[in-house]
Amino acid sequence: MQFLEKLQQFNIILASQSPRRKELLDAVGVPFTVGVKTVSEDFPPLMPPTEVAMFLSKKKVMAFSKELTHEKT
């Protein structure tokens, strides 16, 4: 199964109001919903730049964690 086909099996939440990110997902045909929660985008000052995006992504996931469910397949 190809990567994009696998993505269609998931309920993807774009936790960003970025028009460019929305445009990119639309362009490749990935189904998603936009959901925004207030999350501090602060990160530890000594964190390596290569880790910042993942750190902030995890914070956003945690903001949605109460609403997300895991279905067993």
Protein backbone atom coordinates (compact mmCIF):
# COMPACT_ATOMS: atom_id res chain seq x y z
CA MET A 1 0.00 0.00 0.00
CA GLN A 2 1.35 3.40 -0.91
CA PHE A 3 2.00 6.10 1.68
CA LEU A 4 -0.89 8.38 0.65
CA GLU A 5 -3.31 5.45 0.67
CA LYS A 6 -2.23 4.62 4.21
CA LEU A 7 -2.77 8.22 5.32
CA GLN A 8 -6.38 8.04 4.15
CA GLN A 9 -7.05 5.43 6.84
CA PHE A 10 -6.44 7.98 9.60
CA ASN A 11 -8.38 10.92 10.94
CA ILE A 12 -5.74 13.59 10.41
CA ILE A 13 -6.07 16.85 12.30
CA LEU A 14 -4.11 19.80 11.00
CA ALA A 15 -3.46 21.59 14.30
CA SER A 16 -2.49 24.78 12.57
CA GLN A 17 -4.14 27.73 10.91
CA SER A 18 -1.36 27.90 8.35
CA PRO A 19 -2.86 28.41 4.89
CA ARG A 20 0.29 26.94 3.33
CA ARG A 21 0.07 23.68 5.30
CA LYS A 22 -3.61 23.37 4.37
CA GLU A 23 -2.74 24.02 0.73
CA LEU A 24 -0.03 21.33 0.78
CA LEU A 25 -2.33 18.67 2.25
CA ASP A 26 -5.09 19.59 -0.21
CA ALA A 27 -2.63 19.40 -3.10
CA VAL A 28 -1.62 15.81 -2.32
CA GLY A 29 -5.18 14.70 -1.64
CA VAL A 30 -4.83 13.88 2.04
CA PRO A 31 -8.17 14.09 3.85
CA PHE A 32 -7.95 16.15 7.05
CA THR A 33 -9.79 18.48 9.35
CA VAL A 34 -8.46 21.70 10.77
CA GLY A 35 -8.55 21.87 14.55
CA VAL A 36 -6.87 24.59 16.52
CA LYS A 37 -6.29 24.74 20.24
CA THR A 38 -4.38 27.32 22.19
CA VAL A 39 -0.98 25.80 22.79
CA SER A 40 2.10 27.63 23.94
CA GLU A 41 4.77 27.40 21.28
CA ASP A 42 7.52 28.00 23.80
CA PHE A 43 10.30 25.45 23.91
CA PRO A 44 13.39 24.98 26.07
CA PRO A 45 16.00 27.60 25.12
CA LEU A 46 18.79 25.06 24.72
CA MET A 47 16.74 22.65 22.60
CA PRO A 48 18.48 21.85 19.32
CA PRO A 49 16.65 23.46 16.39
CA THR A 50 16.24 20.04 14.77
CA GLU A 51 14.03 18.95 17.70
CA VAL A 52 11.77 21.99 17.99
CA ALA A 53 9.15 20.96 15.41
CA MET A 54 8.67 17.52 16.97
CA PHE A 55 8.50 19.03 20.47
CA LEU A 56 5.77 21.48 19.42
CA SER A 57 3.90 18.80 17.49
CA LYS A 58 3.75 16.62 20.59
CA LYS A 59 2.39 19.53 22.61
CA LYS A 60 -0.37 19.99 20.03
CA VAL A 61 -1.20 16.28 20.04
CA MET A 62 -1.51 16.37 23.82
CA ALA A 63 -3.96 19.28 23.53
CA PHE A 64 -6.22 17.02 21.43
CA SER A 65 -5.58 13.81 23.38
CA LYS A 66 -8.88 13.83 25.30
CA GLU A 67 -10.82 14.02 22.03
CA LEU A 68 -8.88 11.33 20.20
CA THR A 69 -9.69 7.66 20.37
CA HIS A 70 -7.76 4.67 19.15
CA GLU A 71 -9.68 2.07 17.21
CA LYS A 72 -8.32 -1.44 17.13
CA THR A 73 -8.23 -2.95 13.66
